[in-house]
N, C-alpha and C. Protein backbone atom coordinates (compact mmCIF):
# COMPACT_ATOMS: atom_id res chain seq x y z
N UNK A 1 0.65 -1.10 0.12
CA UNK A 1 0.10 0.19 -0.17
C UNK A 1 1.02 1.24 0.23
N UNK A 2 0.72 2.34 -1.19
CA UNK A 2 1.15 3.05 -1.08
C UNK A 2 0.76 4.39 0.22
N UNK A 3 1.61 5.19 0.26
CA UNK A 3 0.91 6.28 1.79
C UNK A 3 -0.04 7.27 1.48
N UNK A 4 -0.36 7.37 0.29
CA UNK A 4 -1.10 8.11 0.36
C UNK A 4 -2.63 7.57 -0.61
N UNK A 5 -2.88 6.36 -0.42
CA UNK A 5 -3.94 5.36 -0.98
C UNK A 5 -4.70 6.20 -0.23
N UNK A 6 -6.17 6.35 -1.33
CA UNK A 6 -7.13 6.72 -0.58
C UNK A 6 -7.47 8.49 -0.42
N UNK A 7 -6.07 9.24 -0.64
CA UNK A 7 -6.86 10.65 -0.58
C UNK A 7 -7.04 11.03 -2.48
N UNK A 8 -7.88 11.72 -2.28
CA UNK A 8 -8.11 12.53 -3.52
C UNK A 8 -8.03 13.69 -3.83
N UNK A 9 -7.43 14.09 -4.93
CA UNK A 9 -6.72 15.16 -4.90
C UNK A 9 -7.34 15.87 -6.17
N UNK A 10 -8.00 17.48 -6.17
CA UNK A 10 -8.42 17.41 -7.44
C UNK A 10 -7.39 18.45 -7.91
N UNK A 11 -6.72 18.60 -9.18
CA UNK A 11 -5.70 19.22 -9.48
C UNK A 11 -6.12 20.43 -10.79
N UNK A 12 -5.88 21.83 -10.19
CA UNK A 12 -6.29 22.68 -11.22
C UNK A 12 -5.27 23.57 -11.19
N UNK A 13 -4.21 22.89 -11.48
CA UNK A 13 -2.87 23.35 -11.72
C UNK A 13 -2.42 24.15 -13.17
N UNK A 14 -1.49 24.85 -13.49
CA UNK A 14 -0.81 25.38 -14.59
C UNK A 14 0.24 24.85 -14.64
N UNK A 15 1.51 25.38 -15.44
CA UNK A 15 2.67 24.20 -14.94
C UNK A 15 3.55 24.75 -13.74
N UNK A 16 2.62 25.72 -12.89
CA UNK A 16 3.59 25.56 -11.88
C UNK A 16 3.29 24.87 -10.97
N UNK A 17 2.48 24.74 -10.96
CA UNK A 17 1.48 23.25 -9.92
C UNK A 17 1.87 22.39 -10.24
N UNK A 18 2.00 21.87 -11.59
CA UNK A 18 1.72 20.29 -12.05
C UNK A 18 2.81 19.35 -11.50
N UNK A 19 4.16 19.25 -11.11
CA UNK A 19 4.86 18.83 -10.74
C UNK A 19 4.52 17.92 -8.99
N UNK A 20 3.95 19.55 -8.09
CA UNK A 20 3.42 18.55 -6.68
C UNK A 20 2.58 17.74 -6.96
N UNK A 21 1.61 18.03 -7.80
CA UNK A 21 0.14 16.85 -8.09
C UNK A 21 0.83 15.68 -8.76
N UNK A 22 2.21 16.06 -9.47
CA UNK A 22 2.39 14.48 -9.75
C UNK A 22 2.92 13.88 -9.36
N UNK A 23 3.86 14.32 -8.23
CA UNK A 23 4.49 13.51 -6.67
C UNK A 23 3.04 12.96 -5.72
N UNK A 24 1.89 13.88 -5.52
CA UNK A 24 0.80 13.10 -5.25
C UNK A 24 0.52 11.73 -5.51
N UNK A 25 0.40 11.96 -7.00
CA UNK A 25 0.08 10.36 -7.57
C UNK A 25 1.23 9.33 -7.97
N UNK A 26 2.36 9.77 -7.54
CA UNK A 26 2.94 8.86 -7.09
C UNK A 26 3.33 8.05 -6.08
N UNK A 27 3.19 8.94 -4.95
CA UNK A 27 2.84 8.60 -3.37
C UNK A 27 1.55 7.59 -3.18
N UNK A 28 0.95 7.85 -4.48
CA UNK A 28 -0.87 6.77 -4.23
C UNK A 28 -2.13 7.82 -4.20
N UNK A 29 -1.95 8.99 -4.54
CA UNK A 29 -3.02 9.72 -4.20
C UNK A 29 -3.55 9.40 -5.57
N UNK A 30 -4.91 9.59 -5.44
CA UNK A 30 -6.08 9.25 -6.73
C UNK A 30 -6.48 10.79 -7.09
N UNK A 31 -5.89 11.05 -8.25
CA UNK A 31 -6.12 12.49 -8.25
C UNK A 31 -6.46 12.60 -9.90
N UNK A 32 -6.94 13.68 -9.58
CA UNK A 32 -8.20 14.31 -10.95
C UNK A 32 -8.00 15.54 -11.45
N UNK A 33 -7.45 15.66 -12.76
CA UNK A 33 -6.70 16.68 -13.43
C UNK A 33 -7.85 17.25 -13.72
N UNK A 34 -8.08 18.85 -14.32
CA UNK A 34 -8.85 19.68 -14.34
C UNK A 34 -8.46 20.38 -15.50
N UNK A 35 -8.76 20.16 -16.93
CA UNK A 35 -8.53 21.26 -17.81
C UNK A 35 -8.85 21.37 -18.89
N UNK A 36 -9.04 22.40 -19.46
CA UNK A 36 -10.04 22.55 -21.01
C UNK A 36 -8.48 22.50 -21.80
N UNK A 37 -7.83 21.85 -22.14
CA UNK A 37 -7.03 22.07 -22.96
C UNK A 37 -5.23 21.36 -22.41
N UNK A 38 -4.31 21.00 -23.54
CA UNK A 38 -2.84 20.53 -22.25
C UNK A 38 -2.13 21.83 -22.76
N UNK A 39 -1.28 21.94 -21.71
CA UNK A 39 -0.35 23.02 -21.42
C UNK A 39 1.59 23.09 -22.12
N UNK A 40 1.09 22.20 -21.59
CA UNK A 40 3.04 21.98 -21.41
C UNK A 40 3.27 20.90 -22.86
N UNK A 41 4.12 21.10 -23.17
CA UNK A 41 4.48 20.22 -24.39
C UNK A 41 4.15 20.74 -25.82
N UNK A 42 3.92 21.97 -25.61
CA UNK A 42 3.14 22.29 -26.99
C UNK A 42 3.98 21.98 -28.64
N UNK A 43 5.23 22.55 -28.40
CA UNK A 43 6.14 22.34 -29.41
C UNK A 43 5.87 20.87 -30.02
N UNK A 44 6.17 19.79 -29.28
CA UNK A 44 5.82 18.56 -29.22
C UNK A 44 4.14 17.77 -29.27
N UNK A 45 3.64 18.53 -29.55
CA UNK A 45 2.23 18.14 -29.87
C UNK A 45 1.79 16.88 -30.31
N UNK A 46 0.69 16.67 -30.24
CA UNK A 46 0.36 15.29 -30.54
C UNK A 46 -0.97 14.89 -30.41
N UNK A 47 -1.50 13.78 -30.44
CA UNK A 47 -2.73 13.72 -30.14
C UNK A 47 -3.39 13.81 -28.38
N UNK A 48 -2.40 13.30 -28.31
CA UNK A 48 -2.38 13.01 -26.67
C UNK A 48 -1.72 14.51 -25.67
N UNK A 49 -1.38 15.15 -26.42
CA UNK A 49 -1.29 16.61 -25.48
C UNK A 49 0.30 16.85 -26.04
N UNK A 50 1.22 15.97 -25.84
CA UNK A 50 2.67 16.12 -26.02
C UNK A 50 3.68 15.34 -24.55
N UNK A 51 4.61 15.39 -24.64
CA UNK A 51 5.25 14.50 -24.11
C UNK A 51 5.30 14.78 -22.58
N UNK A 52 5.79 15.88 -22.67
CA UNK A 52 5.35 16.84 -21.01
C UNK A 52 3.92 16.58 -20.36
N UNK A 53 3.29 16.53 -21.07
CA UNK A 53 1.37 16.83 -20.87
C UNK A 53 1.71 15.13 -20.31
N UNK A 54 1.76 14.22 -21.20
CA UNK A 54 2.37 13.09 -21.27
C UNK A 54 2.82 12.48 -19.63
N UNK A 55 3.82 12.87 -19.18
CA UNK A 55 4.63 12.83 -18.42
C UNK A 55 3.77 13.18 -16.87
N UNK A 56 3.29 14.96 -17.22
CA UNK A 56 2.83 15.23 -15.71
C UNK A 56 1.70 14.72 -15.07
N UNK A 57 1.01 14.13 -16.29
CA UNK A 57 -0.51 13.69 -16.10
C UNK A 57 -0.50 12.12 -16.07
N UNK A 58 0.74 11.10 -16.33
CA UNK A 58 0.30 10.05 -16.22
C UNK A 58 0.04 9.75 -14.66
N UNK A 59 -1.04 8.70 -15.10
CA UNK A 59 -1.38 8.16 -13.24
C UNK A 59 -2.94 9.01 -13.02
N UNK A 60 -2.94 10.18 -13.60
CA UNK A 60 -4.06 10.92 -13.25
C UNK A 60 -5.59 10.68 -14.18
N UNK A 61 -6.46 10.91 -13.56
CA UNK A 61 -7.76 10.62 -13.92
C UNK A 61 -8.30 12.26 -14.67
N UNK A 62 -8.28 12.59 -16.03
CA UNK A 62 -7.87 14.26 -16.72
C UNK A 62 -9.43 14.09 -17.05
N UNK A 63 -10.11 15.44 -16.36
CA UNK A 63 -10.86 15.68 -17.33
C UNK A 63 -10.92 16.88 -17.83
N UNK A 64 -11.94 17.32 -18.96
CA UNK A 64 -11.65 18.19 -19.95
C UNK A 64 -12.95 19.07 -19.34
N UNK A 65 -12.49 20.36 -18.49
CA UNK A 65 -13.96 21.40 -18.12
C UNK A 65 -14.03 22.37 -18.37
N UNK A 66 -14.56 23.04 -18.72
CA UNK A 66 -14.81 24.36 -18.68
C UNK A 66 -15.30 25.30 -17.65
N UNK A 67 -14.36 25.92 -16.93
CA UNK A 67 -14.58 26.44 -15.44
C UNK A 67 -15.69 27.45 -15.57
N UNK A 68 -15.69 28.51 -17.29
CA UNK A 68 -16.81 29.23 -17.61
C UNK A 68 -18.08 29.46 -17.63
N UNK A 69 -18.29 27.86 -17.74
CA UNK A 69 -19.95 27.22 -18.08
C UNK A 69 -20.21 26.85 -17.03
N UNK A 70 -21.65 27.17 -17.02
CA UNK A 70 -22.27 26.40 -16.07
C UNK A 70 -21.99 25.22 -15.63
N UNK A 71 -22.14 23.97 -16.93
CA UNK A 71 -22.14 23.03 -16.88
C UNK A 71 -20.64 22.46 -16.53
N UNK A 72 -19.36 23.26 -16.70
CA UNK A 72 -17.93 22.81 -16.21
C UNK A 72 -18.14 23.50 -14.79
N UNK A 73 -18.94 24.02 -13.87
CA UNK A 73 -18.77 24.62 -12.72
C UNK A 73 -19.65 23.62 -11.94
N UNK A 74 -21.01 23.06 -12.51
CA UNK A 74 -21.52 21.82 -11.75
C UNK A 74 -20.62 20.93 -11.75
N UNK A 75 -19.91 20.54 -12.79
CA UNK A 75 -18.99 19.15 -12.70
C UNK A 75 -18.20 19.58 -11.54
N UNK A 76 -17.64 20.64 -11.67
CA UNK A 76 -16.51 20.76 -10.54
C UNK A 76 -16.93 20.87 -9.61
N UNK A 77 -17.96 21.29 -9.14
CA UNK A 77 -18.83 21.32 -7.77
C UNK A 77 -18.98 19.51 -6.98
N UNK A 78 -19.75 18.74 -8.48
CA UNK A 78 -19.22 17.47 -8.38
C UNK A 78 -18.28 16.50 -7.51
N UNK A 79 -17.33 17.29 -8.41
CA UNK A 79 -15.92 16.80 -8.14
C UNK A 79 -15.39 16.94 -6.39
N UNK A 80 -15.50 17.95 -6.47
CA UNK A 80 -15.27 18.40 -4.57
C UNK A 80 -16.03 17.67 -3.91
N UNK A 81 -17.06 17.23 -4.14
CA UNK A 81 -17.53 16.91 -3.26
C UNK A 81 -16.97 15.89 -2.72
N UNK A 82 -16.29 15.20 -3.12
CA UNK A 82 -15.95 13.69 -2.88
C UNK A 82 -14.06 13.95 -2.58
N UNK A 83 -13.95 15.09 -3.14
CA UNK A 83 -12.51 15.30 -2.57
C UNK A 83 -11.73 15.38 -1.30
N UNK A 84 -10.80 15.44 -1.12
CA UNK A 84 -9.79 15.55 0.00
C UNK A 84 -9.17 16.55 -0.04
N UNK A 85 -8.64 16.96 -1.20
CA UNK A 85 -7.74 18.25 -1.16
C UNK A 85 -7.90 18.79 -2.56
N UNK A 86 -8.04 20.08 -3.15
CA UNK A 86 -7.83 20.50 -4.13
C UNK A 86 -6.28 21.36 -4.10
N UNK A 87 -5.38 21.54 -5.17
CA UNK A 87 -4.62 22.15 -5.58
C UNK A 87 -4.99 22.97 -6.80
N UNK A 88 -4.48 24.04 -6.82
CA UNK A 88 -5.17 25.08 -7.76
C UNK A 88 -3.78 26.48 -7.83
N UNK A 89 -3.85 26.85 -8.88
CA UNK A 89 -2.78 28.06 -9.27
C UNK A 89 -3.07 29.12 -10.05
N UNK A 90 -5.20 29.53 -9.68
CA UNK A 90 -5.87 30.34 -10.16
C UNK A 90 -5.07 31.84 -9.98
N UNK A 91 -5.31 32.71 -10.64
CA UNK A 91 -5.21 34.36 -10.19
C UNK A 91 -5.46 34.27 -9.08
N UNK A 92 -5.65 34.90 -7.93
CA UNK A 92 -6.33 35.56 -6.48
C UNK A 92 -7.46 36.18 -7.03
N UNK A 93 -8.94 35.60 -6.70
CA UNK A 93 -10.13 36.23 -7.04
C UNK A 93 -10.80 35.51 -8.18
N UNK A 94 -10.35 34.87 -8.86
CA UNK A 94 -10.60 34.04 -10.18
C UNK A 94 -11.39 33.14 -9.66
N UNK A 95 -11.23 32.37 -8.72
CA UNK A 95 -12.18 31.21 -8.67
C UNK A 95 -13.65 31.84 -7.70
N UNK A 96 -12.97 32.68 -7.13
CA UNK A 96 -14.31 33.53 -6.28
C UNK A 96 -15.08 33.97 -6.95
N UNK A 97 -15.13 34.79 -8.20
CA UNK A 97 -15.68 35.12 -9.26
C UNK A 97 -17.12 33.83 -9.70
N UNK A 98 -16.31 32.88 -10.17
CA UNK A 98 -16.72 31.62 -10.60
C UNK A 98 -17.79 31.23 -9.65
N UNK A 99 -17.74 31.14 -8.15
CA UNK A 99 -18.85 30.81 -7.05
C UNK A 99 -17.77 29.06 -6.63
N UNK A 100 -16.34 29.22 -7.15
CA UNK A 100 -15.74 28.15 -7.02
C UNK A 100 -14.57 28.21 -6.04
N UNK A 101 -14.52 28.95 -5.09
CA UNK A 101 -13.50 29.11 -4.11
C UNK A 101 -13.42 28.28 -2.80
N UNK A 102 -12.47 28.19 -2.13
CA UNK A 102 -12.76 27.37 -1.05
C UNK A 102 -13.88 27.29 -0.41
N UNK A 103 -13.97 28.78 0.20
CA UNK A 103 -15.28 29.06 0.64
C UNK A 103 -16.79 28.57 0.44
N UNK A 104 -16.84 28.72 -0.80
CA UNK A 104 -17.84 28.59 -1.60
C UNK A 104 -17.72 26.64 -1.37
N UNK A 105 -16.81 26.10 -1.53
CA UNK A 105 -16.83 24.38 -1.50
C UNK A 105 -16.73 24.13 -0.23
N UNK A 106 -16.32 24.58 0.27
CA UNK A 106 -16.10 23.88 2.23
C UNK A 106 -17.73 23.45 2.41
N UNK A 107 -18.91 24.47 1.95
CA UNK A 107 -19.80 23.89 2.72
C UNK A 107 -20.94 22.76 1.92
N UNK A 108 -19.99 22.17 0.55
CA UNK A 108 -20.53 21.01 0.05
C UNK A 108 -19.71 19.86 0.71
N UNK A 109 -18.61 20.28 1.12
CA UNK A 109 -17.74 19.07 1.61
C UNK A 109 -16.80 19.91 2.92
N UNK A 110 -16.72 19.62 4.09
CA UNK A 110 -16.23 20.62 5.10
C UNK A 110 -15.24 19.68 5.29
N UNK A 111 -14.67 18.52 5.18
CA UNK A 111 -13.14 18.31 4.99
C UNK A 111 -12.03 18.75 4.23
N UNK A 112 -12.70 19.53 3.15
CA UNK A 112 -12.23 19.81 1.69
C UNK A 112 -10.84 20.63 2.40
N UNK A 113 -9.72 20.62 1.77
CA UNK A 113 -8.36 21.77 2.22
C UNK A 113 -7.94 21.84 0.86
N UNK A 114 -7.70 23.25 0.63
CA UNK A 114 -7.43 24.13 -0.38
C UNK A 114 -5.79 24.34 -0.14
N UNK A 115 -5.07 23.91 -1.19
CA UNK A 115 -4.16 24.61 -1.57
C UNK A 115 -3.59 25.10 -2.48
N UNK A 116 -3.57 27.14 -1.97
CA UNK A 116 -3.50 27.83 -3.74
C UNK A 116 -1.97 28.07 -3.84
N UNK A 117 -0.98 27.94 -5.08
CA UNK A 117 -0.02 28.18 -5.06
C UNK A 117 0.19 29.57 -6.32
N UNK A 118 0.88 30.85 -5.63
CA UNK A 118 0.78 31.60 -6.06
C UNK A 118 2.24 32.27 -6.22
N UNK A 119 2.54 32.90 -6.72
CA UNK A 119 3.67 33.74 -7.00
C UNK A 119 4.40 34.79 -5.60
N UNK A 120 3.15 35.74 -5.55
CA UNK A 120 3.29 36.13 -4.33
C UNK A 120 2.09 36.58 -3.55
N UNK A 121 1.33 35.04 -3.17
CA UNK A 121 0.18 35.17 -2.21
C UNK A 121 -1.47 35.26 -2.92
N UNK A 122 -2.53 35.73 -2.14
CA UNK A 122 -3.51 35.75 -2.51
C UNK A 122 -3.58 37.00 -2.10
N UNK A 123 -3.61 37.59 -1.08
CA UNK A 123 -3.68 39.13 -0.79
C UNK A 123 -2.15 39.99 -0.83
N UNK A 124 -2.17 41.40 -0.67
CA UNK A 124 -1.11 41.80 0.00
C UNK A 124 -0.99 43.02 -1.68
N UNK A 125 0.21 43.64 -1.67
CA UNK A 125 0.13 44.47 -2.73
C UNK A 125 0.57 43.57 -3.87
N UNK A 126 1.37 42.80 -3.68
CA UNK A 126 2.13 42.16 -5.11
C UNK A 126 0.99 40.95 -5.71
N UNK A 127 0.01 40.69 -4.80
CA UNK A 127 -0.75 39.76 -5.23
C UNK A 127 -1.00 39.50 -6.53
N UNK A 128 -1.44 40.40 -7.35
CA UNK A 128 -1.51 40.50 -8.77
C UNK A 128 -0.78 40.18 -9.79
N UNK A 129 0.84 40.77 -9.40
CA UNK A 129 1.76 40.35 -10.04
C UNK A 129 1.86 38.97 -10.62
N UNK A 130 2.25 39.30 -11.63
CA UNK A 130 2.46 37.51 -12.60
C UNK A 130 3.84 37.09 -12.26
N UNK A 131 4.09 35.84 -11.99
CA UNK A 131 5.18 35.49 -11.71
C UNK A 131 5.89 34.35 -13.13
N UNK A 132 6.55 34.69 -12.93
CA UNK A 132 8.35 34.25 -13.88
C UNK A 132 9.18 33.67 -13.37
N UNK A 133 10.33 32.80 -13.95
CA UNK A 133 11.51 32.60 -13.84
C UNK A 133 12.29 33.89 -13.73
N UNK A 134 12.01 34.67 -14.21
CA UNK A 134 12.60 36.33 -14.54
C UNK A 134 12.33 36.94 -13.37
N UNK A 135 11.03 37.13 -13.12
CA UNK A 135 10.78 37.92 -11.69
C UNK A 135 11.15 37.18 -10.32
N UNK A 136 11.10 35.72 -10.27
CA UNK A 136 12.08 35.08 -9.61
C UNK A 136 13.75 35.50 -8.85
N UNK A 137 14.48 34.95 -10.20
CA UNK A 137 15.98 35.76 -10.27
C UNK A 137 16.06 37.40 -10.17
N UNK A 138 15.06 38.47 -10.38
CA UNK A 138 15.20 39.18 -10.04
C UNK A 138 15.13 39.86 -8.67
N UNK A 139 13.93 39.03 -8.05
CA UNK A 139 13.45 39.76 -6.89
C UNK A 139 14.27 38.92 -5.70
N UNK A 140 14.76 38.01 -5.93
CA UNK A 140 15.75 36.84 -5.07
C UNK A 140 17.22 37.38 -5.77
N UNK A 141 17.54 38.28 -6.43
CA UNK A 141 19.10 38.88 -6.13
C UNK A 141 19.98 38.26 -7.21
N UNK A 142 19.40 36.86 -7.85
CA UNK A 142 20.36 36.09 -9.02
C UNK A 142 21.09 37.28 -9.73
N UNK A 143 19.92 38.09 -10.41
CA UNK A 143 20.16 39.30 -11.56
C UNK A 143 21.03 40.25 -11.01
N UNK A 144 21.53 40.34 -9.48
CA UNK A 144 22.04 41.83 -9.62
C UNK A 144 23.26 41.10 -9.41
N UNK A 145 24.11 39.88 -9.56
CA UNK A 145 25.33 39.39 -9.92
C UNK A 145 25.45 38.89 -11.10
N UNK A 146 24.52 38.77 -11.80
CA UNK A 146 24.68 38.49 -13.28
C UNK A 146 24.38 39.50 -14.48
N UNK A 147 23.80 40.14 -13.90
CA UNK A 147 23.00 41.04 -14.84
C UNK A 147 22.20 40.54 -15.44
């Protein structure tokens, strides 16, 4: 038996969070990937999405859901009812506008835990800043020594 067997996870991440959910899959969690298209591996894209999609999403139950639609929101809520954990990388406030934030979903499932991966947090003066490797290098000081 693997350590996370029985844990049900919803993966609502972009490329910045997909490795975290891949690790949970490797340890036995039942991970449901929510996407409306493949994101990584576009240069190597084929019918299955590409090599990186294949690796990151291996072992996951993939659902193509458009959260901008009523039907997609209903499907997401249905999945959240049986989930233990949601890991998401959406911009602060994006899920709230759709009625799909943790506060909305915990009313359906009181044991639900949500992890939000953002470059600058969900609140504060930098919460709406877009993160990238260049931004991290600049703010971390690496660019000051390398130019």
